[in-house]
Protein backbone atom coordinates (compact mmCIF):
# COMPACT_ATOMS: atom_id res chain seq x y z
CA UNK A 1 -55.05 42.15 70.41
CA UNK A 2 -51.27 41.97 70.09
CA UNK A 3 -48.86 42.08 73.01
CA UNK A 4 -46.46 45.02 72.64
CA UNK A 5 -43.34 45.79 74.69
CA UNK A 6 -42.33 49.45 74.94
CA UNK A 7 -38.57 49.81 75.11
CA UNK A 8 -36.78 52.76 76.72
CA UNK A 9 -36.29 54.82 73.55
CA UNK A 10 -40.03 54.98 72.87
CA UNK A 11 -40.90 56.13 76.38
CA UNK A 12 -38.11 58.71 76.41
CA UNK A 13 -39.14 59.95 72.94
CA UNK A 14 -42.64 60.68 74.24
CA UNK A 15 -41.27 63.26 76.68
CA UNK A 16 -38.23 64.58 74.83
CA UNK A 17 -37.73 68.32 74.67
CA UNK A 18 -35.08 68.14 71.96
CA UNK A 19 -35.84 70.29 68.95
CA UNK A 20 -33.86 68.63 66.16
CA UNK A 21 -36.01 67.18 63.37
CA UNK A 22 -35.32 63.53 64.19
CA UNK A 23 -36.27 63.99 67.85
CA UNK A 24 -39.40 65.94 66.95
CA UNK A 25 -40.42 63.20 64.51
CA UNK A 26 -39.85 60.42 67.07
CA UNK A 27 -41.75 62.39 69.73
CA UNK A 28 -44.78 63.01 67.53
CA UNK A 29 -44.77 59.45 66.14
CA UNK A 30 -44.50 57.96 69.63
CA UNK A 31 -47.24 60.17 71.06
CA UNK A 32 -49.55 59.48 68.11
CA UNK A 33 -48.90 55.74 68.42
CA UNK A 34 -49.69 55.79 72.14
CA UNK A 35 -52.94 57.68 71.57
CA UNK A 36 -54.21 55.99 68.41
CA UNK A 37 -52.65 52.54 68.17
CA UNK A 38 -51.62 51.71 71.73
CA UNK A 39 -55.18 51.27 73.04
CA UNK A 40 -55.73 48.49 70.47
CA UNK A 41 -52.97 46.38 72.06
CA UNK A 42 -51.81 44.95 75.37
CA UNK A 43 -48.83 47.09 76.39
CA UNK A 44 -45.94 46.03 78.61
CA UNK A 45 -42.51 47.14 79.72
CA UNK A 46 -39.94 45.79 82.20
CA UNK A 47 -37.85 46.70 85.20
CA UNK A 48 -34.94 47.10 82.78
CA UNK A 49 -36.76 50.00 81.11
CA UNK A 50 -37.48 51.50 84.54
CA UNK A 51 -33.78 51.13 85.43
CA UNK A 52 -32.67 52.82 82.20
CA UNK A 53 -35.17 55.66 82.52
CA UNK A 54 -34.12 56.21 86.15
CA UNK A 55 -30.59 57.22 85.15
CA UNK A 56 -29.90 60.50 87.00
CA UNK A 57 -28.21 61.86 83.85
CA UNK A 58 -31.57 61.72 82.01
CA UNK A 59 -33.16 65.12 82.73
CA UNK A 60 -36.71 64.05 81.81
CA UNK A 61 -36.66 60.83 83.81
CA UNK A 62 -39.59 61.78 86.05
CA UNK A 63 -41.91 62.43 83.10
CA UNK A 64 -40.76 59.29 81.26
CA UNK A 65 -41.14 57.16 84.39
CA UNK A 66 -44.72 58.39 84.82
CA UNK A 67 -45.53 56.81 81.45
CA UNK A 68 -43.55 53.63 82.13
CA UNK A 69 -45.07 53.04 85.56
CA UNK A 70 -48.56 52.89 84.05
CA UNK A 71 -47.61 49.71 82.18
CA UNK A 72 -47.53 46.13 83.48
CA UNK A 73 -43.96 44.95 84.12
CA UNK A 74 -42.75 41.68 82.63
CA UNK A 75 -40.65 39.61 85.00
CA UNK A 76 -36.91 39.30 84.51
CA UNK A 77 -36.39 35.75 85.72
CA UNK A 78 -33.59 33.20 85.32
CA UNK A 79 -34.86 32.13 81.88
CA UNK A 80 -34.81 35.74 80.65
CA UNK A 81 -31.27 36.27 81.97
CA UNK A 82 -30.05 33.01 80.39
CA UNK A 83 -31.61 34.00 77.08
CA UNK A 84 -29.99 37.46 77.19
CA UNK A 85 -26.60 35.92 78.02
CA UNK A 86 -26.94 33.55 75.06
CA UNK A 87 -27.76 36.45 72.72
CA UNK A 88 -24.61 38.27 73.85
CA UNK A 89 -22.27 35.24 73.80
CA UNK A 90 -23.51 34.26 70.32
CA UNK A 91 -22.74 37.86 69.21
CA UNK A 92 -26.32 38.50 68.10
CA UNK A 93 -26.64 41.38 70.58
CA UNK A 94 -23.93 43.68 71.97
CA UNK A 95 -22.63 43.58 75.52
CA UNK A 96 -23.61 44.07 78.28
CA UNK A 97 -26.37 41.57 78.98
CA UNK A 98 -28.39 44.41 80.50
CA UNK A 99 -29.96 46.66 77.90
CA UNK A 100 -30.73 45.53 74.37
CA UNK A 101 -30.20 41.80 74.92
CA UNK A 102 -32.38 41.88 78.01
CA UNK A 103 -35.19 43.69 76.18
CA UNK A 104 -35.22 41.03 73.44
CA UNK A 105 -34.99 38.19 75.96
CA UNK A 106 -37.89 39.55 78.04
CA UNK A 107 -40.03 39.66 74.91
CA UNK A 108 -39.03 36.21 73.66
CA UNK A 109 -39.54 34.46 77.01
CA UNK A 110 -42.87 36.18 77.69
CA UNK A 111 -44.29 35.63 74.20
CA UNK A 112 -44.46 39.29 73.20
CA UNK A 113 -45.53 39.89 69.60
CA UNK A 114 -43.87 43.28 69.05
CA UNK A 115 -40.93 45.08 70.61
CA UNK A 116 -41.29 48.81 69.92
CA UNK A 117 -38.00 50.72 69.79
CA UNK A 118 -36.30 53.66 68.12
CA UNK A 119 -32.93 51.91 68.55
CA UNK A 120 -32.28 51.14 64.88
CA UNK A 121 -28.64 50.25 65.47
CA UNK A 122 -29.15 47.16 67.61
CA UNK A 123 -32.86 46.49 68.04
CA UNK A 124 -35.03 47.59 65.13
CA UNK A 125 -32.25 46.83 62.63
CA UNK A 126 -33.59 44.57 59.83
CA UNK A 127 -30.10 43.11 59.24
CA UNK A 128 -30.20 41.51 62.70
CA UNK A 129 -33.57 39.79 62.28
CA UNK A 130 -32.40 36.48 60.71
CA UNK A 131 -29.62 36.06 63.30
CA UNK A 132 -31.97 36.91 66.15
CA UNK A 133 -34.66 34.49 64.96
CA UNK A 134 -32.11 31.71 64.52
CA UNK A 135 -30.52 32.21 67.95
CA UNK A 136 -33.89 32.32 69.72
CA UNK A 137 -35.18 29.30 67.79
CA UNK A 138 -32.24 27.30 69.16
CA UNK A 139 -33.69 28.01 72.61
CA UNK A 140 -37.20 27.09 71.47
CA UNK A 141 -38.34 30.72 71.52
CA UNK A 142 -39.96 32.98 68.94
CA UNK A 143 -38.45 36.36 68.20
CA UNK A 144 -40.72 39.36 68.58
CA UNK A 145 -41.15 41.59 65.56
CA UNK A 146 -38.96 44.59 66.37
CA UNK A 147 -40.40 47.78 64.93
CA UNK A 148 -40.39 51.53 65.36
CA UNK A 149 -43.72 53.12 66.33
CA UNK A 150 -44.24 54.44 62.80
CA UNK A 151 -43.97 50.87 61.46
CA UNK A 152 -46.71 49.34 63.63
């Protein structure tokens, strides 16, 4: 049983009401993954995901938070924050420390196998993988495999 971290974009995709093809695809893929694949794994999220989903500008925050709050929360401790800061200062992840860098750091520090995200620009971008692995290895940490739901 693998340990899987659900990042904000996956939880928001589950509840999206957007009707463009990309959003519909992400919604159906995320829902299918949660129903068919999710039960085979240990699922987690973090307070950072809760913070992002709680943004008052996100109209479907209540529905997304209902999904997020069913998951165990991984702690954001000093080691996680230091790791996220290192990822930003080494230019592996974009600023600010909150957000993408924090998601990766939470996973690395807590030994998460997979980080599930639809953020292909900064998170599930295969071009970033070698840099991410190298930076985390310098801290004695393993990088999670960062995938979209349709890849896992």
